[in-house]
Amino acid sequence: MFNTNNNLIADDKSPDEEESKVEITNEQDPLSAQDVMEEEQISEDDVHTIPTRFLKSKSLPKKKGRVSWIVLGIVIFVVLGLVIMAAVIFLMKQKGEKSPVVEDPLVNLNLMPPVNENQNENQNENTNQALETAALRDQRRLQDITELRSALELYFNANEFYPNSLSNLTSGYLSIIPENPLPGGEQYTYLTSTDKLNYQLTFVLEEGTSFGNLRLTAGKYETTPQGIFPYSEEPPVNNNTNSGNETPEPIKPTMGLDSDGDLLSDIEENVYKTNSILPDTDGDSYQDAEEVVNLYDPTKAGSARLIDSGLVTAYYNYEYSYSVLYPTSWVVRSLTPNKSEVIFTSSNGEFMEIIIQPNPLGLSALNWYINQNSTIDTSGFTTLLVDGLPAIQTADGLTTYLAVGTNIYTISYNIGVSQQMYFYSTYKLFLRTFSFKYIGPQSDGDGDQEPPGNEGLGEITS
């Protein structure tokens, strides 16, 4: 009864109270109230399901797509930068590796690419093998002859005469004297005319080769200042001859200025510290030249020796066992490693020269000379003794030949082109003191034997 009344009371509420209750409920839970109303209005047949793709949370950030585009742009920019950098490096490398065009590799050796040691060794082996062919040896011979001709012309331009020997060219013209490449061919032979204004240089080609536009066949050739020709037996002729087979009478050079007439030129007087206006400087009744040639000191009266004066020095050649005195103020120089050619040069350029040449047959000096110069007239030659041995001297008095064993010793005085002799008394001193007797130990230059002096001289001789 009680419950029924309560329900009746509840049902008897006015509509306004009902509406107020609904509003209060909606304020407390608006979503639940809306759902209740929708459920009352929508039937069971109208229920639909929302697709899953629309159920994503709306709380996720909306800037995610924009960030991805920025990252992608940065990656593309970096990749493009790397590609451009790689392209630039590649082009620079290609440009650096490109070598310049050089027509002649000898023009600028710095432009040549470096080669390693193995390449050099291979090239050397190939060169050695290549020279084993006759054609390449012939090319080398023509190259050698061309170099020798050029050096000879340079020597002539500087001295106005050709050298006595090719070895003279090593003093400022060639580093080495070329030799015939073996096997085959012949050793290069060099001869000069007596006036030293002409020469003959011979060589042999095995197979023949080209020389410019000229084709040279196999055979023997000679080169002269005029060019290359087939070899002839005729030696080089003097340029001042009227005929190739005629030799003019040699002209003996005149003496240089000698103010006091003592046979020492005024220039020579300076070498021996004598007075150029007094023929007898020390007043001992012997003229200055006489004393020098006979190894006495011209500045001191009596028997003072020239070797003790300090005016001259002894030169020892241990390779060929000879010695000689020369003025201390002169310069001595060997033109060959074995000292087979030695020159003694004065202050004015004139020089004495001692050359050793082979004489395998042991001929006398005269016969050896005739074999070497078959067309030269030797009737004007004179004979003399050098160190007690027979020698011959040319008609101009400037060259002396001495045969000893299997060698020829040539002692010459070179006056150049002046045709005046300023050191002829000194040349006599060379001949007077040239000796095989005064060679001491090579270690210190001294020995038990005395250097050339006045041994055995009782008095001065003219």
Protein backbone atom coordinates (compact mmCIF):
# COMPACT_ATOMS: atom_id res chain seq x y z
CA MET A 1 0.00 0.00 0.00
CA PHE A 2 2.77 2.21 0.87
CA ASN A 3 4.64 1.38 -2.33
CA THR A 4 1.60 1.89 -4.41
CA ASN A 5 1.03 5.27 -3.08
CA ASN A 6 4.57 6.22 -3.71
CA ASN A 7 4.30 5.22 -7.31
CA LEU A 8 1.07 7.04 -7.63
CA ILE A 9 2.64 10.08 -6.21
CA ALA A 10 5.47 9.85 -8.63
CA ASP A 11 3.12 9.38 -11.55
CA ASP A 12 1.01 12.27 -10.47
CA LYS A 13 3.90 14.76 -11.00
CA SER A 14 3.18 17.55 -13.28
CA PRO A 15 4.72 17.84 -16.75
CA ASP A 16 6.69 20.84 -15.68
CA GLU A 17 8.35 18.80 -13.03
CA GLU A 18 9.02 16.11 -15.60
CA GLU A 19 10.71 18.59 -17.95
CA SER A 20 12.73 20.06 -15.15
CA LYS A 21 13.98 16.67 -14.24
CA VAL A 22 14.98 15.93 -17.77
CA GLU A 23 16.94 19.20 -18.03
CA ILE A 24 18.74 18.48 -14.79
CA THR A 25 19.67 15.08 -16.09
CA ASN A 26 20.89 16.47 -19.34
CA GLU A 27 23.08 18.94 -17.52
CA GLN A 28 24.68 16.19 -15.52
CA ASP A 29 25.23 13.75 -18.45
CA PRO A 30 24.34 15.31 -21.79
CA LEU A 31 25.84 12.48 -23.87
CA SER A 32 23.87 9.80 -22.05
CA ALA A 33 20.66 11.69 -22.45
CA GLN A 34 21.26 12.14 -26.17
CA ASP A 35 21.99 8.48 -26.57
CA VAL A 36 18.76 7.57 -24.78
CA MET A 37 16.78 9.77 -27.06
CA GLU A 38 18.50 8.38 -30.19
CA GLU A 39 17.87 4.82 -29.08
CA GLU A 40 14.20 5.62 -28.71
CA GLN A 41 14.04 7.09 -32.20
CA ILE A 42 16.27 4.62 -34.21
CA SER A 43 15.09 1.15 -34.86
CA GLU A 44 17.16 -1.93 -34.72
CA ASP A 45 17.12 -2.23 -38.51
CA ASP A 46 18.83 1.18 -38.91
CA VAL A 47 22.05 0.29 -37.02
CA HIS A 48 25.25 0.92 -39.14
CA THR A 49 28.97 0.39 -38.45
CA ILE A 50 31.58 3.18 -39.15
CA PRO A 51 34.61 2.03 -41.29
CA THR A 52 37.82 1.50 -39.39
CA ARG A 53 39.78 4.14 -41.36
CA PHE A 54 37.53 6.82 -39.87
CA LEU A 55 38.16 5.67 -36.35
CA LYS A 56 41.74 7.13 -36.10
CA SER A 57 42.37 9.33 -33.13
CA LYS A 58 41.93 13.00 -33.86
CA SER A 59 44.56 13.80 -31.22
CA LEU A 60 47.58 12.92 -33.57
CA PRO A 61 49.60 15.92 -34.83
CA LYS A 62 48.66 17.14 -38.30
CA LYS A 63 52.25 18.44 -39.15
CA LYS A 64 53.78 14.99 -39.77
CA GLY A 65 53.47 15.16 -43.58
CA ARG A 66 55.13 18.60 -43.72
CA VAL A 67 58.17 17.39 -41.74
CA SER A 68 58.67 14.43 -44.11
CA TRP A 69 58.83 16.75 -47.13
CA ILE A 70 61.51 18.88 -45.47
CA VAL A 71 63.65 15.79 -44.69
CA LEU A 72 63.22 14.54 -48.25
CA GLY A 73 64.29 17.93 -49.61
CA ILE A 74 67.42 17.95 -47.47
CA VAL A 75 68.36 14.43 -48.62
CA ILE A 76 67.90 15.38 -52.27
CA PHE A 77 70.01 18.54 -51.80
CA VAL A 78 72.84 16.57 -50.16
CA VAL A 79 72.78 13.91 -52.88
CA LEU A 80 72.88 16.53 -55.63
CA GLY A 81 75.78 18.27 -53.88
CA LEU A 82 77.75 15.04 -53.66
CA VAL A 83 77.09 14.28 -57.35
CA ILE A 84 78.26 17.75 -58.40
CA MET A 85 81.37 17.49 -56.20
CA ALA A 86 82.24 14.07 -57.62
CA ALA A 87 81.82 15.39 -61.16
CA VAL A 88 84.13 18.34 -60.46
CA ILE A 89 86.81 16.09 -58.92
CA PHE A 90 86.60 13.70 -61.86
CA LEU A 91 87.00 16.51 -64.40
CA MET A 92 89.95 17.99 -62.52
CA LYS A 93 91.61 14.59 -62.33
CA GLN A 94 91.12 14.05 -66.04
CA LYS A 95 92.61 17.46 -66.79
CA GLY A 96 95.61 16.82 -64.53
CA GLU A 97 96.38 13.45 -66.09
CA LYS A 98 96.34 14.85 -69.62
CA SER A 99 100.01 15.33 -70.62
CA PRO A 100 101.02 18.21 -72.89
CA VAL A 101 102.02 17.49 -76.46
CA VAL A 102 105.80 17.68 -76.91
CA GLU A 103 107.15 17.28 -80.41
CA ASP A 104 110.72 16.68 -79.28
CA PRO A 105 111.24 15.01 -75.88
CA LEU A 106 114.66 16.65 -75.61
CA VAL A 107 113.20 20.16 -75.73
CA ASN A 108 111.98 20.04 -72.14
CA LEU A 109 112.86 17.00 -70.11
CA ASN A 110 110.69 18.23 -67.22
CA LEU A 111 107.59 17.49 -69.30
CA MET A 112 108.46 13.84 -69.66
CA PRO A 113 106.44 11.48 -67.43
CA PRO A 114 108.47 9.77 -64.71
CA VAL A 115 109.56 6.21 -65.26
CA ASN A 116 110.36 3.72 -62.58
CA GLU A 117 113.62 1.86 -62.16
CA ASN A 118 112.27 -1.30 -63.74
CA GLN A 119 111.37 0.62 -66.87
CA ASN A 120 114.88 2.10 -67.00
CA GLU A 121 116.44 -1.34 -66.64
CA ASN A 122 114.22 -2.70 -69.39
CA GLN A 123 115.13 0.20 -71.66
CA ASN A 124 118.83 -0.34 -71.01
CA GLU A 125 118.48 -4.02 -71.83
CA ASN A 126 116.61 -3.17 -75.01
CA THR A 127 119.30 -0.64 -75.97
CA ASN A 128 122.08 -3.16 -75.44
CA GLN A 129 120.22 -5.69 -77.51
CA ALA A 130 119.48 -3.11 -80.19
CA LEU A 131 123.16 -2.20 -80.58
CA GLU A 132 123.86 -5.80 -81.46
CA THR A 133 122.44 -5.09 -84.91
CA ALA A 134 124.78 -3.66 -87.54
CA ALA A 135 122.27 -1.02 -88.66
CA LEU A 136 122.02 0.55 -85.21
CA ARG A 137 125.78 0.41 -84.71
CA ASP A 138 126.19 2.29 -88.00
CA GLN A 139 123.77 4.94 -86.78
CA ARG A 140 125.80 5.25 -83.57
CA ARG A 141 128.98 5.68 -85.63
CA LEU A 142 127.49 8.53 -87.64
CA GLN A 143 126.30 10.13 -84.42
CA ASP A 144 129.83 9.84 -82.97
CA ILE A 145 131.41 11.33 -86.09
CA THR A 146 128.95 14.22 -86.07
CA GLU A 147 129.78 14.99 -82.42
CA LEU A 148 133.51 14.79 -83.12
CA ARG A 149 133.24 17.10 -86.14
CA SER A 150 131.29 19.66 -84.12
CA ALA A 151 133.83 19.54 -81.28
CA LEU A 152 136.73 19.88 -83.73
CA GLU A 153 135.17 22.96 -85.31
CA LEU A 154 134.59 24.52 -81.89
CA TYR A 155 138.21 23.82 -80.99
CA PHE A 156 139.38 25.37 -84.28
CA ASN A 157 137.25 28.48 -83.76
CA ALA A 158 138.77 28.96 -80.32
CA ASN A 159 142.41 28.19 -81.22
CA GLU A 160 142.57 28.73 -85.00
CA PHE A 161 144.08 25.27 -85.47
CA TYR A 162 142.98 21.67 -85.02
CA PRO A 163 144.27 19.62 -82.04
CA ASN A 164 147.07 17.08 -82.28
CA SER A 165 144.87 14.42 -80.74
CA LEU A 166 141.16 13.84 -80.12
CA SER A 167 141.93 13.68 -76.41
CA ASN A 168 142.44 17.46 -76.49
CA LEU A 169 138.68 17.78 -76.98
CA THR A 170 137.95 16.59 -73.43
CA SER A 171 139.10 19.96 -72.06
CA GLY A 172 135.90 21.89 -72.67
CA TYR A 173 134.39 20.33 -75.81
CA LEU A 174 133.48 16.69 -75.11
CA SER A 175 132.96 14.86 -71.82
CA ILE A 176 134.31 11.61 -73.32
CA ILE A 177 135.86 10.65 -76.64
CA PRO A 178 133.44 8.28 -78.44
CA GLU A 179 134.74 4.92 -79.60
CA ASN A 180 133.63 2.55 -82.31
CA PRO A 181 130.78 0.31 -81.03
CA LEU A 182 131.79 -3.34 -81.11
CA PRO A 183 131.62 -5.83 -82.68
CA GLY A 184 132.40 -4.77 -86.24
CA GLY A 185 133.75 -1.62 -87.78
CA GLU A 186 137.14 -0.09 -86.98
CA GLN A 187 138.42 2.22 -84.30
CA TYR A 188 138.07 5.86 -85.32
CA THR A 189 141.38 7.26 -86.62
CA TYR A 190 142.28 10.93 -86.45
CA LEU A 191 145.16 12.65 -88.28
CA THR A 192 146.04 16.32 -88.72
CA SER A 193 148.08 18.09 -91.34
CA THR A 194 151.43 19.54 -90.30
CA ASP A 195 150.02 23.07 -90.31
CA LYS A 196 147.06 21.84 -88.16
CA LEU A 197 144.62 23.55 -90.49
CA ASN A 198 143.19 20.31 -91.83
CA TYR A 199 142.30 16.88 -90.47
CA GLN A 200 141.11 13.43 -91.51
CA LEU A 201 138.79 11.32 -89.34
CA THR A 202 138.09 7.79 -90.59
CA PHE A 203 135.36 5.27 -89.71
CA VAL A 204 133.83 2.08 -91.13
CA LEU A 205 130.15 1.24 -91.70
CA GLU A 206 129.19 -2.42 -91.51
CA GLU A 207 125.86 -2.35 -93.32
CA GLY A 208 125.36 1.24 -94.36
CA THR A 209 122.80 3.78 -93.24
CA SER A 210 121.31 7.16 -94.08
CA PHE A 211 122.88 10.48 -93.21
CA GLY A 212 120.23 13.10 -93.86
CA ASN A 213 119.30 12.65 -97.51
CA LEU A 214 122.61 10.93 -98.18
CA ARG A 215 122.66 7.14 -98.34
CA LEU A 216 125.98 5.65 -97.19
CA THR A 217 126.67 2.04 -98.16
CA ALA A 218 128.91 -0.34 -96.24
CA GLY A 219 132.59 0.56 -96.37
CA LYS A 220 135.26 2.90 -95.05
CA TYR A 221 134.78 6.66 -94.99
CA GLU A 222 136.71 9.75 -94.01
CA THR A 223 135.40 13.04 -92.74
CA THR A 224 137.26 16.33 -93.14
CA PRO A 225 136.32 19.96 -92.54
CA GLN A 226 134.75 19.83 -96.02
CA GLY A 227 132.42 16.86 -95.39
CA ILE A 228 132.18 13.03 -95.54
CA PHE A 229 133.83 11.15 -98.44
CA PRO A 230 134.85 7.58 -99.33
CA TYR A 231 138.18 6.82 -97.68
CA SER A 232 141.38 7.57 -99.59
CA GLU A 233 144.92 6.65 -98.66
CA GLU A 234 146.07 10.27 -98.85
CA PRO A 235 146.71 11.91 -95.48
CA PRO A 236 145.27 15.37 -94.73
CA VAL A 237 147.08 18.06 -96.72
CA ASN A 238 148.13 21.51 -95.62
CA ASN A 239 145.70 24.22 -96.61
CA ASN A 240 148.46 26.47 -97.90
CA THR A 241 149.82 23.96 -100.44
CA ASN A 242 149.42 24.37 -104.18
CA SER A 243 149.07 20.65 -104.74
CA GLY A 244 147.74 17.84 -102.56
CA ASN A 245 151.00 15.90 -103.03
CA GLU A 246 153.39 18.76 -102.33
CA THR A 247 154.56 19.85 -98.91
CA PRO A 248 155.90 23.40 -98.62
CA GLU A 249 159.18 24.17 -96.94
CA PRO A 250 158.34 24.71 -93.27
CA ILE A 251 158.78 28.24 -92.04
CA LYS A 252 160.59 28.44 -88.73
CA PRO A 253 158.87 30.91 -86.39
CA THR A 254 160.75 34.00 -85.34
CA MET A 255 161.88 34.81 -81.82
CA GLY A 256 159.62 36.97 -79.67
CA LEU A 257 160.80 40.37 -78.38
CA ASP A 258 164.21 40.01 -76.72
CA SER A 259 165.37 43.46 -75.63
CA ASP A 260 168.80 42.41 -74.31
CA GLY A 261 169.55 39.73 -76.94
CA ASP A 262 170.31 36.98 -74.42
CA LEU A 263 167.92 34.49 -76.13
CA LEU A 264 165.41 34.81 -73.31
CA SER A 265 162.37 36.74 -74.59
CA ASP A 266 161.18 39.61 -72.46
CA ILE A 267 158.19 37.48 -71.38
CA GLU A 268 160.52 34.59 -70.56
CA GLU A 269 162.71 36.90 -68.46
CA ASN A 270 159.73 37.40 -66.14
CA VAL A 271 159.43 33.64 -65.63
CA TYR A 272 163.07 33.31 -64.47
CA LYS A 273 163.19 36.64 -62.57
CA THR A 274 165.99 37.99 -64.76
CA ASN A 275 166.59 41.53 -66.04
CA SER A 276 165.20 42.03 -69.54
CA ILE A 277 167.79 44.74 -70.36
CA LEU A 278 170.81 42.85 -69.01
CA PRO A 279 171.93 39.75 -70.95
CA ASP A 280 173.83 38.52 -67.85
CA THR A 281 171.70 39.28 -64.84
CA ASP A 282 174.02 37.82 -62.18
CA GLY A 283 177.21 39.15 -63.86
CA ASP A 284 179.03 35.80 -63.96
CA SER A 285 179.90 36.13 -67.67
CA TYR A 286 177.26 33.63 -68.76
CA GLN A 287 174.14 34.88 -70.52
CA ASP A 288 170.80 34.20 -68.89
CA ALA A 289 169.50 31.72 -71.52
CA GLU A 290 172.71 29.67 -71.34
CA GLU A 291 172.36 29.28 -67.61
CA VAL A 292 168.68 28.28 -67.78
CA VAL A 293 169.23 25.66 -70.50
CA ASN A 294 172.19 24.22 -68.58
CA LEU A 295 170.22 24.12 -65.30
CA TYR A 296 171.96 26.95 -63.42
CA ASP A 297 170.22 29.74 -61.54
CA PRO A 298 170.56 32.86 -63.76
CA THR A 299 169.97 35.19 -60.80
CA LYS A 300 172.93 33.97 -58.68
CA ALA A 301 176.56 33.93 -59.68
CA GLY A 302 178.56 30.76 -59.23
CA SER A 303 177.22 27.22 -59.39
CA ALA A 304 173.77 27.71 -57.83
CA ARG A 305 171.44 25.09 -59.27
CA LEU A 306 168.24 25.97 -61.10
CA ILE A 307 166.37 23.16 -59.30
CA ASP A 308 167.11 24.87 -55.96
CA SER A 309 166.00 28.34 -57.08
CA GLY A 310 162.27 27.70 -56.83
CA LEU A 311 161.92 28.98 -60.40
CA VAL A 312 161.27 25.48 -61.76
CA THR A 313 159.48 22.38 -60.51
CA ALA A 314 159.99 18.69 -61.29
CA TYR A 315 157.04 16.85 -62.86
CA TYR A 316 156.92 13.06 -62.44
CA ASN A 317 154.82 10.83 -64.69
CA TYR A 318 154.72 7.45 -62.95
CA GLU A 319 152.52 5.81 -65.59
CA TYR A 320 155.18 6.25 -68.28
CA SER A 321 158.26 6.59 -66.06
CA TYR A 322 159.59 9.99 -67.05
CA SER A 323 160.28 13.32 -65.39
CA VAL A 324 160.90 16.85 -66.64
CA LEU A 325 161.49 20.34 -65.24
CA TYR A 326 158.99 23.12 -66.01
CA PRO A 327 158.57 26.76 -64.87
CA THR A 328 156.90 26.88 -61.45
CA SER A 329 154.52 29.62 -62.61
CA TRP A 330 153.07 27.42 -65.37
CA VAL A 331 149.99 25.20 -65.08
CA VAL A 332 150.28 21.43 -65.58
CA ARG A 333 147.28 19.41 -66.72
CA SER A 334 146.76 15.85 -67.93
CA LEU A 335 144.32 15.52 -70.83
CA THR A 336 143.85 11.78 -70.44
CA PRO A 337 143.13 9.59 -67.40
CA ASN A 338 146.30 7.55 -67.93
CA LYS A 339 148.43 10.70 -68.36
CA SER A 340 149.46 9.78 -71.89
CA GLU A 341 149.02 13.43 -72.84
CA VAL A 342 150.18 16.22 -70.53
CA ILE A 343 150.37 19.94 -71.27
CA PHE A 344 152.34 22.68 -69.50
CA THR A 345 150.69 26.05 -70.15
CA SER A 346 152.34 29.45 -69.90
CA SER A 347 150.78 32.79 -68.96
CA ASN A 348 150.33 33.87 -72.60
CA GLY A 349 148.68 30.61 -73.74
CA GLU A 350 151.68 28.95 -75.35
CA PHE A 351 152.33 25.47 -74.03
CA MET A 352 154.61 22.47 -74.10
CA GLU A 353 153.02 19.06 -74.64
CA ILE A 354 154.26 15.53 -74.03
CA ILE A 355 152.30 12.80 -75.81
CA ILE A 356 152.88 9.04 -75.66
CA GLN A 357 151.71 7.03 -78.69
CA PRO A 358 151.98 3.29 -79.34
CA ASN A 359 154.85 1.90 -81.40
CA PRO A 360 154.07 -1.85 -81.30
CA LEU A 361 156.73 -2.75 -83.91
CA GLY A 362 159.47 -0.97 -82.00
CA LEU A 363 160.41 1.22 -84.99
CA SER A 364 162.90 4.03 -84.76
CA ALA A 365 161.44 7.48 -84.33
CA LEU A 366 162.16 8.38 -87.96
CA ASN A 367 160.67 5.19 -89.43
CA TRP A 368 157.62 5.49 -87.18
CA TYR A 369 157.09 9.06 -88.36
CA ILE A 370 157.41 8.09 -92.03
CA ASN A 371 154.84 5.32 -91.54
CA GLN A 372 152.47 7.85 -90.04
CA ASN A 373 153.19 10.59 -92.60
CA SER A 374 154.33 8.89 -95.78
CA THR A 375 154.04 12.01 -97.96
CA ILE A 376 155.90 14.40 -95.66
CA ASP A 377 159.42 15.34 -96.67
CA THR A 378 161.73 14.51 -93.75
CA SER A 379 164.92 15.77 -95.37
CA GLY A 380 164.83 18.88 -93.18
CA PHE A 381 164.61 16.87 -89.95
CA THR A 382 167.52 17.00 -87.53
CA THR A 383 168.77 14.44 -85.03
CA LEU A 384 169.61 15.02 -81.38
CA LEU A 385 169.93 13.17 -78.08
CA VAL A 386 167.23 13.23 -75.41
CA ASP A 387 168.33 11.60 -72.15
CA GLY A 388 171.16 10.03 -74.15
CA LEU A 389 168.74 8.39 -76.62
CA PRO A 390 168.51 9.22 -80.35
CA ALA A 391 165.59 11.45 -81.34
CA ILE A 392 164.46 13.41 -84.39
CA GLN A 393 163.20 16.98 -84.61
CA THR A 394 161.03 18.57 -87.28
CA ALA A 395 162.44 21.27 -89.53
CA ASP A 396 160.68 24.06 -87.65
CA GLY A 397 162.36 22.90 -84.42
CA LEU A 398 159.07 22.69 -82.49
CA THR A 399 158.44 18.93 -82.31
CA THR A 400 160.77 16.17 -81.15
CA TYR A 401 160.11 12.40 -81.42
CA LEU A 402 161.79 9.84 -79.18
CA ALA A 403 161.32 6.05 -79.56
CA VAL A 404 161.59 4.05 -76.33
CA GLY A 405 160.46 0.41 -76.28
CA THR A 406 156.97 0.14 -77.77
CA ASN A 407 156.15 3.81 -77.31
CA ILE A 408 156.85 7.07 -79.08
CA TYR A 409 157.40 10.09 -76.83
CA THR A 410 156.51 13.35 -78.59
CA ILE A 411 157.73 16.58 -76.97
CA SER A 412 156.30 19.61 -78.74
CA TYR A 413 156.14 23.37 -78.34
CA ASN A 414 152.81 24.88 -79.39
CA ILE A 415 153.01 28.59 -80.24
CA GLY A 416 149.47 28.95 -81.59
CA VAL A 417 149.02 31.16 -84.63
CA SER A 418 151.32 34.04 -83.66
CA GLN A 419 154.36 32.55 -85.47
CA GLN A 420 156.55 34.01 -82.75
CA MET A 421 158.31 31.98 -80.09
CA TYR A 422 158.39 33.50 -76.61
CA PHE A 423 159.55 30.36 -74.77
CA TYR A 424 162.01 28.63 -77.08
CA SER A 425 164.72 28.52 -74.40
CA THR A 426 162.17 26.90 -72.08
CA TYR A 427 161.49 24.31 -74.79
CA LYS A 428 165.20 23.56 -74.80
CA LEU A 429 164.97 23.20 -71.01
CA PHE A 430 162.24 20.56 -71.49
CA LEU A 431 164.42 18.60 -73.91
CA ARG A 432 167.44 19.01 -71.65
CA THR A 433 165.70 17.69 -68.51
CA PHE A 434 163.38 15.04 -69.99
CA SER A 435 164.64 11.86 -68.36
CA PHE A 436 163.79 8.28 -67.43
CA LYS A 437 166.34 8.22 -64.60
CA TYR A 438 164.85 10.31 -61.80
CA ILE A 439 161.62 8.59 -60.87
CA GLY A 440 161.26 8.03 -57.12
CA PRO A 441 158.50 6.27 -55.14
CA GLN A 442 155.04 7.38 -56.13
CA SER A 443 153.86 7.65 -52.52
CA ASP A 444 155.60 10.92 -51.69
CA GLY A 445 157.28 12.00 -54.91
CA ASP A 446 160.73 11.68 -53.31
CA GLY A 447 163.25 8.93 -53.63
CA ASP A 448 166.82 7.92 -53.31
CA GLN A 449 167.53 9.40 -56.70
CA GLU A 450 167.83 13.12 -57.14
CA PRO A 451 165.49 15.02 -59.47
CA PRO A 452 166.91 16.51 -62.68
CA GLY A 453 169.64 19.00 -61.84
CA ASN A 454 173.23 19.65 -62.79
CA GLU A 455 174.56 16.11 -62.42
CA GLY A 456 177.58 15.39 -64.60
CA LEU A 457 177.92 18.97 -65.87
CA GLY A 458 181.49 20.22 -65.73
CA GLU A 459 180.81 23.53 -67.37
CA ILE A 460 178.12 25.47 -69.17
CA THR A 461 177.75 24.58 -72.82
CA SER A 462 175.92 26.54 -75.46
